[in-house]
Structure formats: structure tokens, C-alpha cells
Amino acid sequence: MWTRDSFYTFDMGAGTVTRSPGSEAAPHADISNTPMKLVGLHHCAVGDRMTLTVDHALGYNYPILTSAVRRIEVMQEITGYVQ
């Protein structure tokens, strides 16, 4: 999933999300390029900001509010699940 500034990879089998910041993204080193346990995906729609919570060293239910979602793409489908 692409936002205005970063790329987010959801691994639904592992229940994780990884943020890969772009060159214009805020430098959140604590939450970048490391898989984080996905606690909840609350809102994700093209044109809107995505809101989610993760279990991370910064705290359980750590909230993340992204820049505007630009594109959502399914990378791989596994029997009954989308990854």
C-alpha cells in the first residue's frame, strides 16, 4: 500500500505491517523497515489517511496515522486469505 510518502507492506499470514519510508517521509526510525505486529487497521481508503495500531517496543496499541493513501495493491493471494 502506497501513501503520499511511504510504502506499507502487510503480511496477513504473520499479522505484521512494515513501513518503508520514501525520500520525503518523516524519519520515524523507530517504526521504519521493521515488521510490527498489527493490532488493528481502523481506516484505509484511497485519498484518506490510514489509521492503524501496532504492538511495538514503543508500546502496545501504538497508534500510527499515515499521510494520504495513494494506492492499494494486493501482492499475493493465498487460499482464503489476501496477503
C-alpha atoms as a PDB file:
ATOM      1  CA  MET A   1       0.000   0.000   0.000  1.00  0.00           C
ATOM      2  CA  TRP A   2       1.407   3.370  -1.004  1.00  0.00           C
ATOM      3  CA  THR A   3       0.810   6.584   0.886  1.00  0.00           C
ATOM      4  CA  ARG A   4       1.927  10.014  -0.221  1.00  0.00           C
ATOM      5  CA  ASP A   5       5.301   9.497   1.485  1.00  0.00           C
ATOM      6  CA  SER A   6       5.852   5.796   2.305  1.00  0.00           C
ATOM      7  CA  PHE A   7       5.157   2.202   1.304  1.00  0.00           C
ATOM      8  CA  TYR A   8       3.464  -0.196   3.764  1.00  0.00           C
ATOM      9  CA  THR A   9       3.653  -3.975   3.387  1.00  0.00           C
ATOM     10  CA  PHE A  10       1.023  -6.051   5.192  1.00  0.00           C
ATOM     11  CA  ASP A  11       1.810  -9.716   5.816  1.00  0.00           C
ATOM     12  CA  MET A  12      -1.589 -11.048   6.814  1.00  0.00           C
ATOM     13  CA  GLY A  13      -0.255 -14.564   7.463  1.00  0.00           C
ATOM     14  CA  ALA A  14       2.236 -13.243  10.010  1.00  0.00           C
ATOM     15  CA  GLY A  15      -0.078 -10.448  11.186  1.00  0.00           C
ATOM     16  CA  THR A  16       2.541  -7.758  10.601  1.00  0.00           C
ATOM     17  CA  VAL A  17       2.982  -4.440   8.817  1.00  0.00           C
ATOM     18  CA  THR A  18       6.272  -2.895   7.697  1.00  0.00           C
ATOM     19  CA  ARG A  19       6.751   0.788   6.867  1.00  0.00           C
ATOM     20  CA  SER A  20       9.324   1.651   4.201  1.00  0.00           C
ATOM     21  CA  PRO A  21       9.696   5.441   4.160  1.00  0.00           C
ATOM     22  CA  GLY A  22      10.182   7.358   0.937  1.00  0.00           C
ATOM     23  CA  SER A  23      12.679  10.187   0.491  1.00  0.00           C
ATOM     24  CA  GLU A  24      10.115  12.810   1.584  1.00  0.00           C
ATOM     25  CA  ALA A  25       8.767  10.801   4.556  1.00  0.00           C
ATOM     26  CA  ALA A  26       9.115  11.783   8.192  1.00  0.00           C
ATOM     27  CA  PRO A  27      12.146   9.966   9.623  1.00  0.00           C
ATOM     28  CA  HIS A  28      10.410   7.710  12.171  1.00  0.00           C
ATOM     29  CA  ALA A  29      13.408   5.413  12.633  1.00  0.00           C
ATOM     30  CA  ASP A  30      11.644   3.519  15.445  1.00  0.00           C
ATOM     31  CA  ILE A  31       8.876   2.265  13.143  1.00  0.00           C
ATOM     32  CA  SER A  32      10.614   2.056   9.768  1.00  0.00           C
ATOM     33  CA  ASN A  33      11.806  -1.040   7.927  1.00  0.00           C
ATOM     34  CA  THR A  34      10.923  -3.376  10.812  1.00  0.00           C
ATOM     35  CA  PRO A  35       7.887  -5.702  10.828  1.00  0.00           C
ATOM     36  CA  MET A  36       5.476  -4.645  13.578  1.00  0.00           C
ATOM     37  CA  LYS A  37       2.651  -6.799  14.966  1.00  0.00           C
ATOM     38  CA  LEU A  38      -0.602  -5.421  13.557  1.00  0.00           C
ATOM     39  CA  VAL A  39      -3.160  -4.890  16.335  1.00  0.00           C
ATOM     40  CA  GLY A  40      -5.805  -3.100  14.269  1.00  0.00           C
ATOM     41  CA  LEU A  41      -6.354  -1.485  10.878  1.00  0.00           C
ATOM     42  CA  HIS A  42      -9.018   1.128  11.554  1.00  0.00           C
ATOM     43  CA  HIS A  43      -9.262   3.069   8.328  1.00  0.00           C
ATOM     44  CA  CYS A  44      -7.633   2.591   4.942  1.00  0.00           C
ATOM     45  CA  ALA A  45      -9.103   4.207   1.837  1.00  0.00           C
ATOM     46  CA  VAL A  46      -7.513   5.842  -1.189  1.00  0.00           C
ATOM     47  CA  GLY A  47      -7.461   9.601  -0.672  1.00  0.00           C
ATOM     48  CA  ASP A  48      -7.703   9.359   3.137  1.00  0.00           C
ATOM     49  CA  ARG A  49      -5.073   8.973   5.827  1.00  0.00           C
ATOM     50  CA  MET A  50      -4.676   5.400   7.078  1.00  0.00           C
ATOM     51  CA  THR A  51      -5.015   4.754  10.809  1.00  0.00           C
ATOM     52  CA  LEU A  52      -3.706   1.611  12.442  1.00  0.00           C
ATOM     53  CA  THR A  53      -2.326   0.375  15.741  1.00  0.00           C
ATOM     54  CA  VAL A  54       0.660  -1.899  16.241  1.00  0.00           C
ATOM     55  CA  ASP A  55       2.366  -3.782  19.051  1.00  0.00           C
ATOM     56  CA  HIS A  56       5.835  -2.268  19.115  1.00  0.00           C
ATOM     57  CA  ALA A  57       8.691  -1.560  21.515  1.00  0.00           C
ATOM     58  CA  LEU A  58       7.198   1.943  21.802  1.00  0.00           C
ATOM     59  CA  GLY A  59       4.087   0.374  23.318  1.00  0.00           C
ATOM     60  CA  TYR A  60       1.184  -1.983  22.747  1.00  0.00           C
ATOM     61  CA  ASN A  61      -1.567  -0.313  20.732  1.00  0.00           C
ATOM     62  CA  TYR A  62       0.912   2.259  19.408  1.00  0.00           C
ATOM     63  CA  PRO A  63      -1.137   4.439  17.028  1.00  0.00           C
ATOM     64  CA  ILE A  64       0.042   5.282  13.519  1.00  0.00           C
ATOM     65  CA  LEU A  65      -1.543   7.934  11.305  1.00  0.00           C
ATOM     66  CA  THR A  66      -0.122   7.972   7.783  1.00  0.00           C
ATOM     67  CA  SER A  67      -0.111  10.508   5.002  1.00  0.00           C
ATOM     68  CA  ALA A  68      -2.853  10.150   2.352  1.00  0.00           C
ATOM     69  CA  VAL A  69      -3.221   6.697   0.788  1.00  0.00           C
ATOM     70  CA  ARG A  70      -2.398   6.822  -2.921  1.00  0.00           C
ATOM     71  CA  ARG A  71      -2.764   3.193  -3.994  1.00  0.00           C
ATOM     72  CA  ILE A  72      -3.707  -0.184  -2.547  1.00  0.00           C
ATOM     73  CA  GLU A  73      -2.484  -3.308  -4.304  1.00  0.00           C
ATOM     74  CA  VAL A  74      -2.834  -6.998  -3.440  1.00  0.00           C
ATOM     75  CA  MET A  75       0.558  -8.589  -3.952  1.00  0.00           C
ATOM     76  CA  GLN A  76      -0.287 -12.273  -3.427  1.00  0.00           C
ATOM     77  CA  GLU A  77      -3.380 -14.314  -2.679  1.00  0.00           C
ATOM     78  CA  ILE A  78      -3.245 -17.444  -0.549  1.00  0.00           C
ATOM     79  CA  THR A  79      -6.217 -19.817  -0.258  1.00  0.00           C
ATOM     80  CA  GLY A  80      -8.911 -17.852   1.501  1.00  0.00           C
ATOM     81  CA  TYR A  81      -6.564 -15.060   2.589  1.00  0.00           C
ATOM     82  CA  VAL A  82      -5.199 -11.995   0.861  1.00  0.00           C
ATOM     83  CA  GLN A  83      -1.604 -11.099   1.590  1.00  0.00           C
END
